[in-house]
Amino acid sequence: MDRDEILRRNKESNPKDEGKVYVEDKAKRYGEIGMCVVFLLLVVYNLIKGQPLDDLLAMFWGYLGVGYFYKYRKFHEKGSLISAVCGMIAAVAFLLAYVIQTW
């Protein structure tokens, strides 16, 4: 089997473009960093203005809870499940607190 045949078979068995996957992973990571910066700026602003933080915290914990739930579904790690449940409980609690405060 020559080199070109090996490359062709490998490409057929693994249709994902590794370069594209790499760029998508990096884009996701930069997006998360950007979201954290905006989150921190909004937290500081709300603290200065005396505004409630519960809405921002609900979004933060909801994001983490869903992320850990996805990780649990893929790897079935007990720690991920615990983190997912705690994150979702925190998200719902902060959301309810925000609704009660602003009602």
N, C-alpha and C. Protein backbone atom coordinates (compact mmCIF):
# COMPACT_ATOMS: atom_id res chain seq x y z
N MET A 1 0.86 -1.17 0.00
CA MET A 1 0.00 0.00 0.00
C MET A 1 0.91 1.24 0.00
N ASP A 2 0.66 2.13 -0.94
CA ASP A 2 1.51 3.33 -1.02
C ASP A 2 0.98 4.45 -0.12
N ARG A 3 1.74 5.49 -0.01
CA ARG A 3 1.45 6.61 0.88
C ARG A 3 0.11 7.27 0.55
N ASP A 4 -0.18 7.49 -0.71
CA ASP A 4 -1.43 8.14 -1.11
C ASP A 4 -2.65 7.30 -0.74
N GLU A 5 -2.51 5.99 -0.87
CA GLU A 5 -3.61 5.09 -0.51
C GLU A 5 -3.87 5.15 1.00
N ILE A 6 -2.82 5.17 1.78
CA ILE A 6 -2.96 5.27 3.24
C ILE A 6 -3.64 6.58 3.62
N LEU A 7 -3.22 7.68 3.02
CA LEU A 7 -3.83 8.99 3.30
C LEU A 7 -5.30 9.02 2.90
N ARG A 8 -5.62 8.45 1.75
CA ARG A 8 -7.00 8.44 1.28
C ARG A 8 -7.89 7.63 2.24
N ARG A 9 -7.41 6.46 2.64
CA ARG A 9 -8.20 5.62 3.56
C ARG A 9 -8.38 6.31 4.92
N ASN A 10 -7.34 6.96 5.39
CA ASN A 10 -7.43 7.66 6.67
C ASN A 10 -8.45 8.80 6.59
N LYS A 11 -8.44 9.51 5.49
CA LYS A 11 -9.39 10.61 5.32
C LYS A 11 -10.82 10.10 5.23
N GLU A 12 -11.03 8.96 4.59
CA GLU A 12 -12.36 8.37 4.50
C GLU A 12 -12.86 7.88 5.85
N SER A 13 -11.97 7.34 6.67
CA SER A 13 -12.37 6.81 7.97
C SER A 13 -12.56 7.92 9.01
N ASN A 14 -11.94 9.07 8.79
CA ASN A 14 -12.05 10.19 9.72
C ASN A 14 -12.41 11.45 8.93
N PRO A 15 -13.71 11.65 8.67
CA PRO A 15 -14.11 12.75 7.79
C PRO A 15 -13.97 14.14 8.42
N LYS A 16 -13.71 14.22 9.74
CA LYS A 16 -13.58 15.53 10.37
C LYS A 16 -12.27 16.19 9.94
N ASP A 17 -12.38 17.45 9.62
CA ASP A 17 -11.20 18.24 9.28
C ASP A 17 -10.57 18.71 10.59
N GLU A 18 -9.40 18.18 10.93
CA GLU A 18 -8.77 18.51 12.20
C GLU A 18 -8.44 19.99 12.32
N GLY A 19 -8.10 20.63 11.23
CA GLY A 19 -7.83 22.06 11.26
C GLY A 19 -9.07 22.86 11.62
N LYS A 20 -10.19 22.46 11.06
CA LYS A 20 -11.46 23.14 11.36
C LYS A 20 -11.86 22.92 12.81
N VAL A 21 -11.71 21.70 13.30
CA VAL A 21 -12.03 21.39 14.69
C VAL A 21 -11.15 22.22 15.63
N TYR A 22 -9.87 22.34 15.30
CA TYR A 22 -8.94 23.13 16.11
C TYR A 22 -9.37 24.59 16.17
N VAL A 23 -9.71 25.15 15.01
CA VAL A 23 -10.13 26.55 14.96
C VAL A 23 -11.43 26.75 15.73
N GLU A 24 -12.37 25.83 15.60
CA GLU A 24 -13.63 25.93 16.33
C GLU A 24 -13.41 25.86 17.83
N ASP A 25 -12.50 24.99 18.27
CA ASP A 25 -12.18 24.90 19.70
C ASP A 25 -11.55 26.19 20.21
N LYS A 26 -10.62 26.75 19.43
CA LYS A 26 -9.98 28.01 19.82
C LYS A 26 -11.00 29.15 19.84
N ALA A 27 -11.89 29.19 18.86
CA ALA A 27 -12.92 30.24 18.81
C ALA A 27 -13.83 30.14 20.03
N LYS A 28 -14.18 28.92 20.41
CA LYS A 28 -15.02 28.73 21.59
C LYS A 28 -14.29 29.24 22.83
N ARG A 29 -13.02 28.91 22.96
CA ARG A 29 -12.24 29.33 24.12
C ARG A 29 -12.15 30.86 24.18
N TYR A 30 -11.87 31.51 23.05
CA TYR A 30 -11.81 32.98 23.04
C TYR A 30 -13.17 33.60 23.33
N GLY A 31 -14.23 32.97 22.85
CA GLY A 31 -15.58 33.44 23.16
C GLY A 31 -15.87 33.36 24.64
N GLU A 32 -15.43 32.29 25.27
CA GLU A 32 -15.62 32.14 26.72
C GLU A 32 -14.83 33.19 27.49
N ILE A 33 -13.62 33.46 27.05
CA ILE A 33 -12.81 34.50 27.70
C ILE A 33 -13.49 35.86 27.56
N GLY A 34 -13.98 36.15 26.36
CA GLY A 34 -14.69 37.42 26.14
C GLY A 34 -15.94 37.53 27.00
N MET A 35 -16.68 36.44 27.11
CA MET A 35 -17.88 36.44 27.93
C MET A 35 -17.52 36.68 29.40
N CYS A 36 -16.44 36.09 29.87
CA CYS A 36 -16.02 36.29 31.26
C CYS A 36 -15.61 37.75 31.51
N VAL A 37 -14.94 38.36 30.55
CA VAL A 37 -14.55 39.76 30.71
C VAL A 37 -15.79 40.65 30.79
N VAL A 38 -16.74 40.44 29.90
CA VAL A 38 -17.98 41.23 29.93
C VAL A 38 -18.74 40.96 31.22
N PHE A 39 -18.79 39.72 31.65
CA PHE A 39 -19.45 39.36 32.91
C PHE A 39 -18.83 40.13 34.07
N LEU A 40 -17.51 40.12 34.15
CA LEU A 40 -16.83 40.83 35.25
C LEU A 40 -17.08 42.33 35.19
N LEU A 41 -17.07 42.90 34.00
CA LEU A 41 -17.36 44.34 33.86
C LEU A 41 -18.77 44.65 34.34
N LEU A 42 -19.72 43.81 33.98
CA LEU A 42 -21.10 44.03 34.42
C LEU A 42 -21.26 43.84 35.93
N VAL A 43 -20.54 42.89 36.50
CA VAL A 43 -20.59 42.69 37.94
C VAL A 43 -20.05 43.93 38.66
N VAL A 44 -18.91 44.42 38.21
CA VAL A 44 -18.33 45.62 38.83
C VAL A 44 -19.28 46.81 38.68
N TYR A 45 -19.83 46.99 37.49
CA TYR A 45 -20.76 48.10 37.25
C TYR A 45 -21.98 47.99 38.18
N ASN A 46 -22.56 46.81 38.26
CA ASN A 46 -23.73 46.62 39.13
C ASN A 46 -23.40 46.83 40.59
N LEU A 47 -22.21 46.41 41.01
CA LEU A 47 -21.80 46.65 42.39
C LEU A 47 -21.67 48.14 42.67
N ILE A 48 -21.07 48.88 41.74
CA ILE A 48 -20.91 50.33 41.90
C ILE A 48 -22.27 51.02 41.96
N LYS A 49 -23.18 50.60 41.10
CA LYS A 49 -24.51 51.23 41.02
C LYS A 49 -25.49 50.69 42.07
N GLY A 50 -25.11 49.67 42.80
CA GLY A 50 -26.00 49.10 43.81
C GLY A 50 -27.13 48.26 43.21
N GLN A 51 -26.92 47.73 42.03
CA GLN A 51 -27.92 46.90 41.36
C GLN A 51 -27.76 45.43 41.77
N PRO A 52 -28.82 44.65 41.68
CA PRO A 52 -28.70 43.23 42.02
C PRO A 52 -27.84 42.48 41.00
N LEU A 53 -27.16 41.46 41.48
CA LEU A 53 -26.30 40.65 40.62
C LEU A 53 -26.92 39.31 40.26
N ASP A 54 -28.11 39.06 40.79
CA ASP A 54 -28.70 37.73 40.66
C ASP A 54 -28.93 37.30 39.21
N ASP A 55 -29.26 38.22 38.33
CA ASP A 55 -29.48 37.85 36.94
C ASP A 55 -28.18 37.39 36.28
N LEU A 56 -27.11 38.11 36.55
CA LEU A 56 -25.81 37.73 35.99
C LEU A 56 -25.34 36.39 36.56
N LEU A 57 -25.54 36.22 37.86
CA LEU A 57 -25.12 34.97 38.48
C LEU A 57 -25.95 33.79 37.99
N ALA A 58 -27.23 34.01 37.70
CA ALA A 58 -28.07 32.93 37.15
C ALA A 58 -27.54 32.50 35.78
N MET A 59 -27.16 33.47 34.95
CA MET A 59 -26.61 33.14 33.64
C MET A 59 -25.28 32.39 33.77
N PHE A 60 -24.42 32.87 34.66
CA PHE A 60 -23.12 32.25 34.87
C PHE A 60 -23.26 30.79 35.32
N TRP A 61 -24.08 30.55 36.35
CA TRP A 61 -24.24 29.20 36.86
C TRP A 61 -24.99 28.31 35.88
N GLY A 62 -25.93 28.89 35.13
CA GLY A 62 -26.63 28.11 34.11
C GLY A 62 -25.68 27.64 33.02
N TYR A 63 -24.79 28.53 32.60
CA TYR A 63 -23.79 28.18 31.59
C TYR A 63 -22.90 27.04 32.09
N LEU A 64 -22.41 27.18 33.32
CA LEU A 64 -21.55 26.13 33.87
C LEU A 64 -22.31 24.82 34.06
N GLY A 65 -23.53 24.90 34.56
CA GLY A 65 -24.32 23.69 34.79
C GLY A 65 -24.58 22.92 33.51
N VAL A 66 -24.96 23.61 32.47
CA VAL A 66 -25.23 22.94 31.19
C VAL A 66 -23.94 22.38 30.61
N GLY A 67 -22.84 23.13 30.72
CA GLY A 67 -21.56 22.63 30.23
C GLY A 67 -21.12 21.35 30.92
N TYR A 68 -21.27 21.33 32.25
CA TYR A 68 -20.91 20.13 32.99
C TYR A 68 -21.87 18.98 32.71
N PHE A 69 -23.13 19.28 32.45
CA PHE A 69 -24.08 18.22 32.11
C PHE A 69 -23.68 17.56 30.79
N TYR A 70 -23.29 18.37 29.81
CA TYR A 70 -22.84 17.82 28.54
C TYR A 70 -21.60 16.95 28.74
N LYS A 71 -20.67 17.45 29.56
CA LYS A 71 -19.46 16.69 29.85
C LYS A 71 -19.81 15.36 30.52
N TYR A 72 -20.76 15.38 31.44
CA TYR A 72 -21.19 14.15 32.10
C TYR A 72 -21.78 13.16 31.09
N ARG A 73 -22.59 13.67 30.17
CA ARG A 73 -23.21 12.78 29.16
C ARG A 73 -22.16 12.09 28.30
N LYS A 74 -21.04 12.76 28.04
CA LYS A 74 -20.00 12.19 27.19
C LYS A 74 -19.07 11.26 27.96
N PHE A 75 -18.69 11.62 29.20
CA PHE A 75 -17.68 10.86 29.92
C PHE A 75 -18.20 10.08 31.13
N HIS A 76 -19.42 10.35 31.56
CA HIS A 76 -20.04 9.67 32.70
C HIS A 76 -19.19 9.75 33.97
N GLU A 77 -18.66 10.94 34.23
CA GLU A 77 -17.86 11.17 35.44
C GLU A 77 -18.77 11.72 36.53
N LYS A 78 -18.66 11.15 37.71
CA LYS A 78 -19.51 11.54 38.83
C LYS A 78 -19.31 13.02 39.19
N GLY A 79 -18.07 13.48 39.14
CA GLY A 79 -17.78 14.88 39.46
C GLY A 79 -18.49 15.85 38.53
N SER A 80 -18.58 15.50 37.26
CA SER A 80 -19.27 16.35 36.29
C SER A 80 -20.77 16.40 36.58
N LEU A 81 -21.32 15.26 36.97
CA LEU A 81 -22.74 15.22 37.31
C LEU A 81 -23.03 16.08 38.53
N ILE A 82 -22.20 15.97 39.55
CA ILE A 82 -22.39 16.78 40.76
C ILE A 82 -22.27 18.26 40.43
N SER A 83 -21.28 18.62 39.63
CA SER A 83 -21.11 20.02 39.22
C SER A 83 -22.29 20.51 38.41
N ALA A 84 -22.81 19.66 37.54
CA ALA A 84 -23.96 20.04 36.71
C ALA A 84 -25.19 20.30 37.58
N VAL A 85 -25.47 19.39 38.50
CA VAL A 85 -26.64 19.55 39.37
C VAL A 85 -26.50 20.79 40.24
N CYS A 86 -25.33 20.98 40.84
CA CYS A 86 -25.11 22.17 41.68
C CYS A 86 -25.23 23.46 40.86
N GLY A 87 -24.66 23.46 39.66
CA GLY A 87 -24.75 24.64 38.80
C GLY A 87 -26.18 24.98 38.43
N MET A 88 -26.95 23.96 38.09
CA MET A 88 -28.34 24.21 37.70
C MET A 88 -29.19 24.66 38.89
N ILE A 89 -28.94 24.07 40.06
CA ILE A 89 -29.66 24.51 41.26
C ILE A 89 -29.33 25.97 41.56
N ALA A 90 -28.04 26.32 41.48
CA ALA A 90 -27.63 27.70 41.72
C ALA A 90 -28.26 28.64 40.69
N ALA A 91 -28.31 28.22 39.44
CA ALA A 91 -28.90 29.06 38.39
C ALA A 91 -30.37 29.34 38.67
N VAL A 92 -31.11 28.30 39.02
CA VAL A 92 -32.54 28.46 39.30
C VAL A 92 -32.73 29.33 40.55
N ALA A 93 -31.90 29.12 41.56
CA ALA A 93 -32.02 29.91 42.80
C ALA A 93 -31.76 31.39 42.53
N PHE A 94 -30.70 31.69 41.78
CA PHE A 94 -30.40 33.09 41.48
C PHE A 94 -31.46 33.71 40.56
N LEU A 95 -31.99 32.92 39.65
CA LEU A 95 -33.05 33.42 38.79
C LEU A 95 -34.30 33.76 39.60
N LEU A 96 -34.67 32.88 40.50
CA LEU A 96 -35.83 33.16 41.37
C LEU A 96 -35.57 34.38 42.25
N ALA A 97 -34.37 34.48 42.79
CA ALA A 97 -34.03 35.64 43.63
C ALA A 97 -34.13 36.93 42.83
N TYR A 98 -33.67 36.90 41.59
CA TYR A 98 -33.74 38.10 40.75
C TYR A 98 -35.19 38.48 40.46
N VAL A 99 -36.01 37.49 40.13
CA VAL A 99 -37.42 37.76 39.84
C VAL A 99 -38.11 38.32 41.08
N ILE A 100 -37.84 37.76 42.23
CA ILE A 100 -38.45 38.24 43.47
C ILE A 100 -38.01 39.66 43.77
N GLN A 101 -36.72 39.96 43.57
CA GLN A 101 -36.20 41.31 43.85
C GLN A 101 -36.78 42.35 42.91
N THR A 102 -37.01 41.97 41.67
CA THR A 102 -37.42 42.98 40.67
C THR A 102 -38.92 42.97 40.41
N TRP A 103 -39.66 42.13 41.06
CA TRP A 103 -41.10 42.03 40.80
C TRP A 103 -41.82 43.25 41.22
